[in-house]
PDB file of N, CA and C in Angstrom:
ATOM      1  N   MET A   1      16.003 -26.367  15.688  1.00  0.00           N
ATOM      2  CA  MET A   1      15.881 -26.422  14.395  1.00  0.00           C
ATOM      3  C   MET A   1      14.718 -25.359  13.428  1.00  0.00           C
ATOM      4  N   ARG A   2      15.071 -25.010  13.006  1.00  0.00           N
ATOM      5  CA  ARG A   2      14.148 -23.568  12.960  1.00  0.00           C
ATOM      6  C   ARG A   2      13.679 -23.735  12.119  1.00  0.00           C
ATOM      7  N   ARG A   3      12.464 -22.578  12.761  1.00  0.00           N
ATOM      8  CA  ARG A   3      10.305 -22.499  12.224  1.00  0.00           C
ATOM      9  C   ARG A   3      10.099 -21.316  11.651  1.00  0.00           C
ATOM     10  N   PHE A   4       9.497 -21.618  10.254  1.00  0.00           N
ATOM     11  CA  PHE A   4       9.773 -20.450  10.103  1.00  0.00           C
ATOM     12  C   PHE A   4       8.513 -18.951  10.109  1.00  0.00           C
ATOM     13  N   VAL A   5       8.703 -18.343  10.419  1.00  0.00           N
ATOM     14  CA  VAL A   5       7.521 -17.162  10.780  1.00  0.00           C
ATOM     15  C   VAL A   5       7.090 -16.516   8.973  1.00  0.00           C
ATOM     16  N   ARG A   6       6.216 -16.614   9.091  1.00  0.00           N
ATOM     17  CA  ARG A   6       5.234 -15.884   7.928  1.00  0.00           C
ATOM     18  C   ARG A   6       4.224 -14.489   9.134  1.00  0.00           C
ATOM     19  N   ILE A   7       5.311 -13.660   8.216  1.00  0.00           N
ATOM     20  CA  ILE A   7       4.560 -12.306   8.844  1.00  0.00           C
ATOM     21  C   ILE A   7       4.011 -11.764   7.884  1.00  0.00           C
ATOM     22  N   GLY A   8       3.508 -11.736   8.191  1.00  0.00           N
ATOM     23  CA  GLY A   8       1.386 -11.156   7.490  1.00  0.00           C
ATOM     24  C   GLY A   8       1.314 -11.909   6.488  1.00  0.00           C
ATOM     25  N   PHE A   9       0.359 -10.817   5.372  1.00  0.00           N
ATOM     26  CA  PHE A   9      -0.305 -11.941   4.166  1.00  0.00           C
ATOM     27  C   PHE A   9       0.063 -10.827   3.226  1.00  0.00           C
ATOM     28  N   ASP A  10       0.691 -10.954   2.238  1.00  0.00           N
ATOM     29  CA  ASP A  10       0.547 -10.478   0.654  1.00  0.00           C
ATOM     30  C   ASP A  10      -0.164 -10.480  -0.679  1.00  0.00           C
ATOM     31  N   VAL A  11      -1.295  -9.565  -0.505  1.00  0.00           N
ATOM     32  CA  VAL A  11      -1.768  -9.855  -1.192  1.00  0.00           C
ATOM     33  C   VAL A  11      -1.728  -9.860  -2.690  1.00  0.00           C
ATOM     34  N   ALA A  12       0.262  -8.989  -3.417  1.00  0.00           N
ATOM     35  CA  ALA A  12       1.130 -10.193  -4.145  1.00  0.00           C
ATOM     36  C   ALA A  12       0.396 -10.913  -3.923  1.00  0.00           C
ATOM     37  N   GLU A  13       0.837 -12.012  -3.274  1.00  0.00           N
ATOM     38  CA  GLU A  13       1.160 -13.528  -4.113  1.00  0.00           C
ATOM     39  C   GLU A  13      -0.546 -14.690  -3.757  1.00  0.00           C
ATOM     40  N   HIS A  14      -1.668 -13.327  -3.961  1.00  0.00           N
ATOM     41  CA  HIS A  14      -2.969 -15.163  -4.395  1.00  0.00           C
ATOM     42  C   HIS A  14      -2.786 -14.521  -5.688  1.00  0.00           C
ATOM     43  N   ALA A  15      -3.353 -15.159  -6.821  1.00  0.00           N
ATOM     44  CA  ALA A  15      -3.685 -16.101  -7.369  1.00  0.00           C
ATOM     45  C   ALA A  15      -4.139 -14.716  -8.678  1.00  0.00           C
ATOM     46  N   THR A  16      -5.490 -14.828  -7.668  1.00  0.00           N
ATOM     47  CA  THR A  16      -6.526 -13.471  -8.123  1.00  0.00           C
ATOM     48  C   THR A  16      -5.541 -12.091  -8.759  1.00  0.00           C
ATOM     49  N   VAL A  17      -5.115 -11.598  -7.501  1.00  0.00           N
ATOM     50  CA  VAL A  17      -4.637  -9.902  -7.490  1.00  0.00           C
ATOM     51  C   VAL A  17      -3.614  -9.755  -9.055  1.00  0.00           C
ATOM     52  N   GLU A  18      -2.407 -11.326  -8.924  1.00  0.00           N
ATOM     53  CA  GLU A  18      -1.500 -11.317  -9.697  1.00  0.00           C
ATOM     54  C   GLU A  18      -2.017 -12.041 -11.266  1.00  0.00           C
ATOM     55  N   ALA A  19      -2.882 -11.949 -11.207  1.00  0.00           N
ATOM     56  CA  ALA A  19      -3.814 -12.214 -12.301  1.00  0.00           C
ATOM     57  C   ALA A  19      -4.142 -10.801 -13.092  1.00  0.00           C
ATOM     58  N   LEU A  20      -4.755  -9.629 -11.586  1.00  0.00           N
ATOM     59  CA  LEU A  20      -4.887  -7.865 -12.474  1.00  0.00           C
ATOM     60  C   LEU A  20      -3.682  -8.004 -12.788  1.00  0.00           C
ATOM     61  N   VAL A  21      -2.882  -7.572 -12.115  1.00  0.00           N
ATOM     62  CA  VAL A  21      -1.300  -7.097 -11.899  1.00  0.00           C
ATOM     63  C   VAL A  21      -1.193  -7.309 -13.552  1.00  0.00           C
ATOM     64  N   HIS A  22      -0.231  -8.021 -13.404  1.00  0.00           N
ATOM     65  CA  HIS A  22      -0.971  -9.118 -14.895  1.00  0.00           C
ATOM     66  C   HIS A  22      -1.518  -8.199 -15.588  1.00  0.00           C
ATOM     67  N   ARG A  23      -2.190  -7.709 -16.124  1.00  0.00           N
ATOM     68  CA  ARG A  23      -3.281  -6.612 -16.678  1.00  0.00           C
ATOM     69  C   ARG A  23      -3.535  -6.123 -17.058  1.00  0.00           C
ATOM     70  N   GLY A  24      -3.000  -5.357 -16.253  1.00  0.00           N
ATOM     71  CA  GLY A  24      -2.065  -4.437 -16.044  1.00  0.00           C
ATOM     72  C   GLY A  24      -3.206  -2.921 -16.664  1.00  0.00           C
ATOM     73  N   ARG A  25      -2.779  -2.435 -17.278  1.00  0.00           N
ATOM     74  CA  ARG A  25      -4.137  -0.740 -16.985  1.00  0.00           C
ATOM     75  C   ARG A  25      -5.285  -0.707 -17.611  1.00  0.00           C
ATOM     76  N   ALA A  26      -5.541  -2.592 -18.203  1.00  0.00           N
ATOM     77  CA  ALA A  26      -6.590  -2.390 -18.156  1.00  0.00           C
ATOM     78  C   ALA A  26      -7.431  -3.120 -17.201  1.00  0.00           C
ATOM     79  N   ALA A  27      -7.410  -3.300 -16.376  1.00  0.00           N
ATOM     80  CA  ALA A  27      -7.631  -4.166 -14.425  1.00  0.00           C
ATOM     81  C   ALA A  27      -8.435  -2.270 -13.912  1.00  0.00           C
ATOM     82  N   LEU A  28      -7.708  -1.042 -14.416  1.00  0.00           N
ATOM     83  CA  LEU A  28      -7.610  -0.305 -13.410  1.00  0.00           C
ATOM     84  C   LEU A  28      -9.318   0.853 -13.366  1.00  0.00           C
ATOM     85  N   PRO A  29     -10.307   0.692 -15.032  1.00  0.00           N
ATOM     86  CA  PRO A  29     -10.875   1.405 -14.600  1.00  0.00           C
ATOM     87  C   PRO A  29     -12.224  -0.043 -13.314  1.00  0.00           C
ATOM     88  N   ALA A  30     -12.020  -1.471 -12.961  1.00  0.00           N
ATOM     89  CA  ALA A  30     -13.089  -2.243 -12.748  1.00  0.00           C
ATOM     90  C   ALA A  30     -11.910  -1.909 -10.746  1.00  0.00           C
ATOM     91  N   LEU A  31     -11.007  -1.761 -10.889  1.00  0.00           N
ATOM     92  CA  LEU A  31     -10.553  -1.931  -9.490  1.00  0.00           C
ATOM     93  C   LEU A  31     -10.634  -0.126  -8.985  1.00  0.00           C
ATOM     94  N   LEU A  32     -10.457   0.637  -9.839  1.00  0.00           N
ATOM     95  CA  LEU A  32     -10.978   1.663  -9.587  1.00  0.00           C
ATOM     96  C   LEU A  32     -12.613   2.102  -9.339  1.00  0.00           C
ATOM     97  N   ALA A  33     -13.195   1.568  -9.209  1.00  0.00           N
ATOM     98  CA  ALA A  33     -15.068   0.809  -9.433  1.00  0.00           C
ATOM     99  C   ALA A  33     -14.847   0.098  -7.648  1.00  0.00           C
ATOM    100  N   ALA A  34     -14.785  -0.817  -7.745  1.00  0.00           N
ATOM    101  CA  ALA A  34     -14.263  -1.159  -6.133  1.00  0.00           C
ATOM    102  C   ALA A  34     -14.398  -1.250  -5.275  1.00  0.00           C
ATOM    103  N   VAL A  35     -13.144   0.034  -5.010  1.00  0.00           N
ATOM    104  CA  VAL A  35     -12.860   1.083  -4.464  1.00  0.00           C
ATOM    105  C   VAL A  35     -13.483   2.049  -4.351  1.00  0.00           C
ATOM    106  N   GLU A  36     -13.773   2.548  -4.898  1.00  0.00           N
ATOM    107  CA  GLU A  36     -15.629   3.744  -4.886  1.00  0.00           C
ATOM    108  C   GLU A  36     -16.997   2.795  -4.371  1.00  0.00           C
ATOM    109  N   ARG A  37     -16.621   1.697  -3.675  1.00  0.00           N
ATOM    110  CA  ARG A  37     -18.416   0.722  -4.394  1.00  0.00           C
ATOM    111  C   ARG A  37     -18.038   0.322  -2.997  1.00  0.00           C
ATOM    112  N   ASP A  38     -18.049  -1.223  -3.285  1.00  0.00           N
ATOM    113  CA  ASP A  38     -17.532  -2.441  -2.686  1.00  0.00           C
ATOM    114  C   ASP A  38     -17.115  -2.801  -1.745  1.00  0.00           C
ATOM    115  N   ARG A  39     -18.572  -2.772  -0.622  1.00  0.00           N
ATOM    116  CA  ARG A  39     -17.775  -2.469   1.257  1.00  0.00           C
ATOM    117  C   ARG A  39     -17.382  -4.367   1.486  1.00  0.00           C
ATOM    118  N   ARG A  40     -17.641  -5.028   0.632  1.00  0.00           N
ATOM    119  CA  ARG A  40     -18.013  -6.510   0.878  1.00  0.00           C
ATOM    120  C   ARG A  40     -16.738  -6.807   1.653  1.00  0.00           C
ATOM    121  N   LEU A  41     -17.053  -8.218   2.036  1.00  0.00           N
ATOM    122  CA  LEU A  41     -15.892  -8.394   2.645  1.00  0.00           C
ATOM    123  C   LEU A  41     -14.957  -9.139   1.195  1.00  0.00           C
ATOM    124  N   SER A  42     -13.194  -9.495   2.125  1.00  0.00           N
ATOM    125  CA  SER A  42     -12.494 -10.140   1.037  1.00  0.00           C
ATOM    126  C   SER A  42     -12.552 -11.790   1.653  1.00  0.00           C
ATOM    127  N   ARG A  43     -11.743 -12.449   0.437  1.00  0.00           N
ATOM    128  CA  ARG A  43     -11.244 -13.559   1.335  1.00  0.00           C
ATOM    129  C   ARG A  43      -9.551 -13.561   2.187  1.00  0.00           C
ATOM    130  N   LEU A  44      -9.537 -13.463   1.719  1.00  0.00           N
ATOM    131  CA  LEU A  44      -7.907 -12.230   2.516  1.00  0.00           C
ATOM    132  C   LEU A  44      -7.927 -12.022   3.764  1.00  0.00           C
ATOM    133  N   VAL A  45      -7.123 -12.754   5.371  1.00  0.00           N
ATOM    134  CA  VAL A  45      -7.659 -12.539   5.758  1.00  0.00           C
ATOM    135  C   VAL A  45      -6.392 -11.752   5.533  1.00  0.00           C
ATOM    136  N   ARG A  46      -5.929 -10.738   7.585  1.00  0.00           N
ATOM    137  CA  ARG A  46      -4.042  -9.743   7.672  1.00  0.00           C
ATOM    138  C   ARG A  46      -4.098  -9.992   8.692  1.00  0.00           C
ATOM    139  N   PHE A  47      -2.603 -10.714   8.912  1.00  0.00           N
ATOM    140  CA  PHE A  47      -2.844 -10.850  10.623  1.00  0.00           C
ATOM    141  C   PHE A  47      -1.115 -10.804  10.457  1.00  0.00           C
ATOM    142  N   TRP A  48      -0.395 -10.089  11.490  1.00  0.00           N
ATOM    143  CA  TRP A  48       0.909  -9.600  11.782  1.00  0.00           C
ATOM    144  C   TRP A  48       1.481 -10.967  11.951  1.00  0.00           C
ATOM    145  N   ARG A  49       1.540 -12.045  12.879  1.00  0.00           N
ATOM    146  CA  ARG A  49       2.415 -13.374  12.640  1.00  0.00           C
ATOM    147  C   ARG A  49       1.973 -14.648  13.270  1.00  0.00           C
ATOM    148  N   ASP A  50       2.798 -15.673  12.486  1.00  0.00           N
ATOM    149  CA  ASP A  50       1.859 -16.820  12.349  1.00  0.00           C
ATOM    150  C   ASP A  50       0.882 -16.454  13.980  1.00  0.00           C
ATOM    151  N   TYR A  51       2.202 -16.819  14.473  1.00  0.00           N
ATOM    152  CA  TYR A  51       1.352 -17.099  16.217  1.00  0.00           C
ATOM    153  C   TYR A  51       0.534 -16.307  16.812  1.00  0.00           C
ATOM    154  N   ASP A  52       0.893 -15.380  16.222  1.00  0.00           N
ATOM    155  CA  ASP A  52      -0.349 -14.035  16.890  1.00  0.00           C
ATOM    156  C   ASP A  52      -1.862 -14.616  16.706  1.00  0.00           C
ATOM    157  N   ALA A  53      -2.691 -14.322  17.374  1.00  0.00           N
ATOM    158  CA  ALA A  53      -4.215 -14.490  17.409  1.00  0.00           C
ATOM    159  C   ALA A  53      -5.331 -13.680  17.515  1.00  0.00           C
ATOM    160  N   GLY A  54      -4.646 -12.390  17.037  1.00  0.00           N
ATOM    161  CA  GLY A  54      -5.550 -11.445  16.318  1.00  0.00           C
ATOM    162  C   GLY A  54      -6.009 -11.767  13.928  1.00  0.00           C
ATOM    163  N   ARG A  55      -6.664 -12.332  13.610  1.00  0.00           N
ATOM    164  CA  ARG A  55      -6.458 -11.905  12.440  1.00  0.00           C
ATOM    165  C   ARG A  55      -8.009 -10.892  12.250  1.00  0.00           C
ATOM    166  N   GLU A  56      -8.379 -10.422  10.905  1.00  0.00           N
ATOM    167  CA  GLU A  56      -8.406  -9.796  10.904  1.00  0.00           C
ATOM    168  C   GLU A  56      -9.249  -9.844   8.659  1.00  0.00           C
ATOM    169  N   VAL A  57     -10.150  -9.966   8.492  1.00  0.00           N
ATOM    170  CA  VAL A  57     -10.447 -10.432   7.030  1.00  0.00           C
ATOM    171  C   VAL A  57     -10.158  -9.395   6.603  1.00  0.00           C
ATOM    172  N   MET A  58      -9.423  -8.720   5.549  1.00  0.00           N
ATOM    173  CA  MET A  58     -10.087  -7.360   4.509  1.00  0.00           C
ATOM    174  C   MET A  58     -10.388  -6.809   3.566  1.00  0.00           C
ATOM    175  N   PRO A  59     -11.319  -5.672   3.760  1.00  0.00           N
ATOM    176  CA  PRO A  59     -12.005  -5.949   3.122  1.00  0.00           C
ATOM    177  C   PRO A  59     -11.422  -5.514   1.238  1.00  0.00           C
ATOM    178  N   VAL A  60     -12.719  -5.823   0.576  1.00  0.00           N
ATOM    179  CA  VAL A  60     -12.475  -5.581  -1.282  1.00  0.00           C
ATOM    180  C   VAL A  60     -12.227  -4.327  -1.504  1.00  0.00           C
ATOM    181  N   ARG A  61     -12.251  -3.355  -0.890  1.00  0.00           N
ATOM    182  CA  ARG A  61     -12.076  -1.602  -1.503  1.00  0.00           C
ATOM    183  C   ARG A  61     -10.328  -1.862  -1.187  1.00  0.00           C
ATOM    184  N   GLU A  62     -10.771  -2.701   0.079  1.00  0.00           N
ATOM    185  CA  GLU A  62      -8.922  -1.933   0.368  1.00  0.00           C
ATOM    186  C   GLU A  62      -7.635  -3.348  -0.541  1.00  0.00           C
ATOM    187  N   VAL A  63      -7.791  -5.051  -1.470  1.00  0.00           N
ATOM    188  CA  VAL A  63      -6.964  -5.188  -1.631  1.00  0.00           C
ATOM    189  C   VAL A  63      -7.652  -4.180  -3.233  1.00  0.00           C
ATOM    190  N   ALA A  64      -8.268  -4.368  -3.204  1.00  0.00           N
ATOM    191  CA  ALA A  64      -8.634  -3.760  -4.926  1.00  0.00           C
ATOM    192  C   ALA A  64      -7.633  -2.462  -5.226  1.00  0.00           C
ATOM    193  N   TYR A  65      -7.703  -1.705  -3.976  1.00  0.00           N
ATOM    194  CA  TYR A  65      -6.689  -0.440  -3.490  1.00  0.00           C
ATOM    195  C   TYR A  65      -5.063  -0.315  -4.155  1.00  0.00           C
ATOM    196  N   ARG A  66      -4.721  -2.104  -2.740  1.00  0.00           N
ATOM    197  CA  ARG A  66      -4.131  -2.196  -2.809  1.00  0.00           C
ATOM    198  C   ARG A  66      -3.367  -2.719  -4.497  1.00  0.00           C
ATOM    199  N   THR A  67      -4.053  -3.396  -5.313  1.00  0.00           N
ATOM    200  CA  THR A  67      -3.990  -3.851  -6.115  1.00  0.00           C
ATOM    201  C   THR A  67      -3.229  -3.448  -7.600  1.00  0.00           C
ATOM    202  N   ALA A  68      -4.310  -1.720  -7.343  1.00  0.00           N
ATOM    203  CA  ALA A  68      -4.442  -0.229  -8.385  1.00  0.00           C
ATOM    204  C   ALA A  68      -3.047   0.097  -8.064  1.00  0.00           C
ATOM    205  N   LEU A  69      -2.682  -0.330  -6.711  1.00  0.00           N
ATOM    206  CA  LEU A  69      -1.390   0.587  -6.310  1.00  0.00           C
ATOM    207  C   LEU A  69      -0.043   0.089  -6.906  1.00  0.00           C
ATOM    208  N   MET A  70      -0.078  -1.423  -7.054  1.00  0.00           N
ATOM    209  CA  MET A  70       1.210  -2.739  -7.481  1.00  0.00           C
ATOM    210  C   MET A  70       0.571  -1.645  -8.789  1.00  0.00           C
ATOM    211  N   ILE A  71      -0.095  -1.679  -9.740  1.00  0.00           N
ATOM    212  CA  ILE A  71      -0.631  -1.497 -11.058  1.00  0.00           C
ATOM    213  C   ILE A  71       0.122  -0.441 -11.298  1.00  0.00           C
ATOM    214  N   LEU A  72      -0.043   0.783 -10.597  1.00  0.00           N
ATOM    215  CA  LEU A  72       0.957   2.285 -11.639  1.00  0.00           C
ATOM    216  C   LEU A  72       2.036   2.568 -11.059  1.00  0.00           C
ATOM    217  N   HIS A  73       2.343   1.517 -10.620  1.00  0.00           N
ATOM    218  CA  HIS A  73       3.655   1.734  -9.120  1.00  0.00           C
ATOM    219  C   HIS A  73       4.661   0.550 -10.462  1.00  0.00           C
ATOM    220  N   SER A  74       3.909  -0.344 -10.857  1.00  0.00           N
ATOM    221  CA  SER A  74       5.095  -0.635 -12.529  1.00  0.00           C
ATOM    222  C   SER A  74       4.477   0.061 -13.384  1.00  0.00           C
ATOM    223  N   LEU A  75       3.663   0.575 -14.166  1.00  0.00           N
ATOM    224  CA  LEU A  75       4.342   1.876 -15.361  1.00  0.00           C
ATOM    225  C   LEU A  75       4.111   3.290 -15.010  1.00  0.00           C
ATOM    226  N   SER A  76       5.166   3.328 -13.376  1.00  0.00           N
ATOM    227  CA  SER A  76       5.624   4.634 -13.187  1.00  0.00           C
ATOM    228  C   SER A  76       7.589   4.069 -12.959  1.00  0.00           C
ATOM    229  N   ALA A  77       8.010   5.265 -13.263  1.00  0.00           N
ATOM    230  CA  ALA A  77       9.296   4.740 -13.435  1.00  0.00           C
ATOM    231  C   ALA A  77      10.034   4.584 -11.449  1.00  0.00           C
ATOM    232  N   GLU A  78       8.924   5.967 -11.344  1.00  0.00           N
ATOM    233  CA  GLU A  78       9.108   6.442  -9.747  1.00  0.00           C
ATOM    234  C   GLU A  78       8.547   5.758  -8.909  1.00  0.00           C
ATOM    235  N   GLY A  79       9.783   5.421  -7.604  1.00  0.00           N
ATOM    236  CA  GLY A  79       9.301   4.378  -6.633  1.00  0.00           C
ATOM    237  C   GLY A  79       8.759   4.386  -5.494  1.00  0.00           C
ATOM    238  N   GLU A  80       7.683   3.697  -5.574  1.00  0.00           N
ATOM    239  CA  GLU A  80       7.174   4.423  -4.273  1.00  0.00           C
ATOM    240  C   GLU A  80       7.121   4.067  -3.574  1.00  0.00           C
ATOM    241  N   PRO A  81       7.116   4.255  -1.693  1.00  0.00           N
ATOM    242  CA  PRO A  81       7.222   3.026  -0.387  1.00  0.00           C
ATOM    243  C   PRO A  81       6.584   2.106  -0.847  1.00  0.00           C
ATOM    244  N   ALA A  82       6.542   0.698  -0.754  1.00  0.00           N
ATOM    245  CA  ALA A  82       5.743  -0.239  -1.129  1.00  0.00           C
ATOM    246  C   ALA A  82       4.876  -0.011   0.365  1.00  0.00           C
ATOM    247  N   LEU A  83       3.551  -0.659   0.476  1.00  0.00           N
ATOM    248  CA  LEU A  83       2.759  -1.452   1.808  1.00  0.00           C
ATOM    249  C   LEU A  83       3.288  -1.928   2.575  1.00  0.00           C
ATOM    250  N   ARG A  84       3.452  -2.019   3.966  1.00  0.00           N
ATOM    251  CA  ARG A  84       3.982  -2.855   4.714  1.00  0.00           C
ATOM    252  C   ARG A  84       2.216  -4.075   4.868  1.00  0.00           C
ATOM    253  N   PRO A  85       2.444  -5.671   4.555  1.00  0.00           N
ATOM    254  CA  PRO A  85       1.419  -6.671   3.697  1.00  0.00           C
ATOM    255  C   PRO A  85       0.429  -6.572   5.353  1.00  0.00           C
ATOM    256  N   ASP A  86       0.992  -6.069   6.370  1.00  0.00           N
ATOM    257  CA  ASP A  86       0.239  -6.231   7.277  1.00  0.00           C
ATOM    258  C   ASP A  86      -0.721  -4.787   8.319  1.00  0.00           C
ATOM    259  N   GLN A  87      -0.025  -3.701   7.788  1.00  0.00           N
ATOM    260  CA  GLN A  87      -0.597  -2.650   7.802  1.00  0.00           C
ATOM    261  C   GLN A  87      -1.921  -2.638   7.200  1.00  0.00           C
ATOM    262  N   ARG A  88      -2.565  -1.627   7.583  1.00  0.00           N
ATOM    263  CA  ARG A  88      -4.635  -1.462   7.557  1.00  0.00           C
ATOM    264  C   ARG A  88      -4.193   0.338   7.076  1.00  0.00           C
ATOM    265  N   ILE A  89      -4.646  -0.566   6.017  1.00  0.00           N
ATOM    266  CA  ILE A  89      -5.327   1.477   5.337  1.00  0.00           C
ATOM    267  C   ILE A  89      -6.819   1.506   4.888  1.00  0.00           C
ATOM    268  N   GLU A  90      -7.117   2.319   6.350  1.00  0.00           N
ATOM    269  CA  GLU A  90      -8.522   3.162   6.656  1.00  0.00           C
ATOM    270  C   GLU A  90      -8.708   4.901   4.889  1.00  0.00           C
ATOM    271  N   LEU A  91      -8.958   3.930   3.844  1.00  0.00           N
ATOM    272  CA  LEU A  91      -9.867   5.002   2.683  1.00  0.00           C
ATOM    273  C   LEU A  91     -10.120   6.043   3.304  1.00  0.00           C
ATOM    274  N   THR A  92      -9.738   6.830   2.904  1.00  0.00           N
ATOM    275  CA  THR A  92     -10.108   8.434   2.960  1.00  0.00           C
ATOM    276  C   THR A  92     -11.241   8.975   1.253  1.00  0.00           C
ATOM    277  N   ASN A  93     -12.167   9.594   1.888  1.00  0.00           N
ATOM    278  CA  ASN A  93     -12.147  10.288   0.320  1.00  0.00           C
ATOM    279  C   ASN A  93     -11.134  11.103  -0.827  1.00  0.00           C
ATOM    280  N   ALA A  94      -9.941  11.306  -0.298  1.00  0.00           N
ATOM    281  CA  ALA A  94      -8.236  11.926  -0.691  1.00  0.00           C
ATOM    282  C   ALA A  94      -8.222  10.555  -1.652  1.00  0.00           C
ATOM    283  N   ASP A  95      -7.869   9.867  -0.265  1.00  0.00           N
ATOM    284  CA  ASP A  95      -7.007   8.401  -1.692  1.00  0.00           C
ATOM    285  C   ASP A  95      -8.109   8.186  -1.842  1.00  0.00           C
ATOM    286  N   VAL A  96      -9.417   8.489  -2.494  1.00  0.00           N
ATOM    287  CA  VAL A  96      -9.456   7.394  -3.227  1.00  0.00           C
ATOM    288  C   VAL A  96      -9.985   9.065  -4.503  1.00  0.00           C
ATOM    289  N   GLU A  97      -9.686  10.361  -4.744  1.00  0.00           N
ATOM    290  CA  GLU A  97      -9.886  10.998  -5.496  1.00  0.00           C
ATOM    291  C   GLU A  97      -8.843  10.785  -5.994  1.00  0.00           C
ATOM    292  N   ILE A  98      -7.203  10.581  -5.176  1.00  0.00           N
ATOM    293  CA  ILE A  98      -6.191  10.142  -6.288  1.00  0.00           C
ATOM    294  C   ILE A  98      -5.731   9.956  -6.759  1.00  0.00           C
ATOM    295  N   LEU A  99      -6.257   8.407  -6.455  1.00  0.00           N
ATOM    296  CA  LEU A  99      -5.986   7.396  -7.298  1.00  0.00           C
ATOM    297  C   LEU A  99      -6.567   7.309  -8.551  1.00  0.00           C
ATOM    298  N   ARG A 100      -8.225   7.882  -8.342  1.00  0.00           N
ATOM    299  CA  ARG A 100      -9.018   7.952  -9.807  1.00  0.00           C
ATOM    300  C   ARG A 100      -7.907   9.209 -10.551  1.00  0.00           C
ATOM    301  N   THR A 101      -7.482  10.480 -10.224  1.00  0.00           N
ATOM    302  CA  THR A 101      -6.218  11.169 -10.671  1.00  0.00           C
ATOM    303  C   THR A 101      -4.941  10.501 -10.975  1.00  0.00           C
ATOM    304  N   ARG A 102      -5.223   9.629 -10.213  1.00  0.00           N
ATOM    305  CA  ARG A 102      -3.479   8.802 -10.936  1.00  0.00           C
ATOM    306  C   ARG A 102      -3.937   7.315 -12.104  1.00  0.00           C
ATOM    307  N   ILE A 103      -5.184   6.894 -11.849  1.00  0.00           N
ATOM    308  CA  ILE A 103      -5.716   5.768 -13.578  1.00  0.00           C
ATOM    309  C   ILE A 103      -5.622   6.548 -14.493  1.00  0.00           C
ATOM    310  N   ALA A 104      -6.912   8.332 -14.379  1.00  0.00           N
ATOM    311  CA  ALA A 104      -6.715   8.819 -15.144  1.00  0.00           C
ATOM    312  C   ALA A 104      -5.624   9.398 -16.325  1.00  0.00           C
ATOM    313  N   GLU A 105      -4.612   9.370 -15.317  1.00  0.00           N
ATOM    314  CA  GLU A 105      -3.261   9.952 -16.002  1.00  0.00           C
ATOM    315  C   GLU A 105      -3.054   8.910 -16.734  1.00  0.00           C
ATOM    316  N   VAL A 106      -2.741   7.683 -16.397  1.00  0.00           N
ATOM    317  CA  VAL A 106      -2.714   6.308 -17.347  1.00  0.00           C
ATOM    318  C   VAL A 106      -3.061   5.678 -18.270  1.00  0.00           C
ATOM    319  N   LEU A 107      -4.861   6.021 -18.078  1.00  0.00           N
ATOM    320  CA  LEU A 107      -5.685   5.576 -19.114  1.00  0.00           C
ATOM    321  C   LEU A 107      -5.461   6.360 -20.467  1.00  0.00           C
TER     322      LEU A 107
END
């Protein structure tokens, strides 16, 4: 019997993220505000494999950042490398500034 082993958690599978991506351009200002100022933890948990004991609650700003990137990717024709679901993002001020610039270009 084969056992399905889930690798990580993809935020794109979460209903709230799907709804924000569906809103598209209109969701970007709120997502940028969350990336810039929200220091809370989300209810999403990052993990590598089902059987791995390591679990980490994802910060709201990381979920917002990933969601904004998904929207920007859907609005552009250029292919961007996808972030692995288990990949942790350490957002720097430069990352936030680049995101702010890219959002301003599409609004």
